[in-house]
């Protein structure tokens, strides 16, 4: 579980960086700006979910192994 959550976190951070680059090079094109903003929003949501899933998963494993 730790490896999976770590991978999700790394992927989210990479997507945040890629979204920032896409936003920077969009040159004012409204379509590209919208795509960059959407991918940034989804990457941040994924990072938050991964960060919240870590303690929940460890708590659940602790409860189930008792």
Protein backbone atom coordinates (compact mmCIF):
# COMPACT_ATOMS: atom_id res chain seq x y z
CA UNK A 1 0.00 0.00 0.00
CA UNK A 2 2.85 2.38 0.82
CA UNK A 3 4.43 1.88 -2.59
CA UNK A 4 1.11 2.43 -4.36
CA UNK A 5 0.37 5.62 -2.43
CA UNK A 6 3.93 6.84 -3.05
CA UNK A 7 3.47 6.23 -6.80
CA UNK A 8 0.18 8.13 -6.82
CA UNK A 9 1.83 11.02 -4.99
CA UNK A 10 4.76 11.15 -7.40
CA UNK A 11 2.43 10.98 -10.40
CA UNK A 12 0.33 13.84 -9.00
CA UNK A 13 3.38 16.04 -8.45
CA UNK A 14 4.61 15.31 -11.99
CA UNK A 15 1.17 16.20 -13.36
CA UNK A 16 1.19 19.46 -11.39
CA UNK A 17 4.54 20.36 -12.98
CA UNK A 18 3.35 19.38 -16.47
CA UNK A 19 0.16 21.40 -16.00
CA UNK A 20 2.18 24.45 -14.99
CA UNK A 21 4.34 24.11 -18.06
CA UNK A 22 1.28 23.70 -20.28
CA UNK A 23 -0.25 26.80 -18.72
CA UNK A 24 2.94 28.78 -19.25
CA UNK A 25 3.29 27.88 -22.92
CA UNK A 26 -0.41 28.22 -23.80
CA UNK A 27 0.24 31.74 -25.23
CA UNK A 28 -3.23 32.97 -24.31
CA UNK A 29 -5.13 30.23 -26.12
CA UNK A 30 -8.32 29.78 -24.07
CA UNK A 31 -8.64 26.08 -24.92
CA UNK A 32 -5.13 25.24 -23.79
CA UNK A 33 -5.50 27.34 -20.63
CA UNK A 34 -8.69 25.49 -19.72
CA UNK A 35 -7.02 22.10 -20.31
CA UNK A 36 -4.05 23.11 -18.17
CA UNK A 37 -6.29 24.36 -15.36
CA UNK A 38 -8.40 21.20 -15.42
CA UNK A 39 -5.39 18.90 -15.34
CA UNK A 40 -3.91 20.96 -12.50
CA UNK A 41 -7.15 20.71 -10.54
CA UNK A 42 -7.34 16.94 -11.02
CA UNK A 43 -3.68 16.51 -10.07
CA UNK A 44 -4.18 18.48 -6.85
CA UNK A 45 -7.30 16.46 -6.04
CA UNK A 46 -5.33 13.26 -6.64
CA UNK A 47 -2.53 14.44 -4.37
CA UNK A 48 -5.00 15.32 -1.60
CA UNK A 49 -6.70 11.93 -1.93
CA UNK A 50 -3.32 10.17 -1.76
CA UNK A 51 -2.31 12.17 1.31
CA UNK A 52 -5.61 11.38 3.04
CA UNK A 53 -5.57 7.73 1.99
CA UNK A 54 -2.22 7.11 3.68
CA UNK A 55 -3.40 7.48 7.32
CA UNK A 56 -6.75 5.87 6.59
CA UNK A 57 -5.07 2.81 5.06
CA UNK A 58 -2.68 2.45 7.99
CA UNK A 59 -5.50 2.85 10.49
CA UNK A 60 -7.61 0.27 8.70
CA UNK A 61 -4.74 -2.22 8.52
CA UNK A 62 -4.15 -1.70 12.25
CA UNK A 63 -7.79 -2.34 13.04
CA UNK A 64 -8.01 -5.43 10.84
CA UNK A 65 -4.82 -7.03 12.18
CA UNK A 66 -5.87 -6.84 15.83
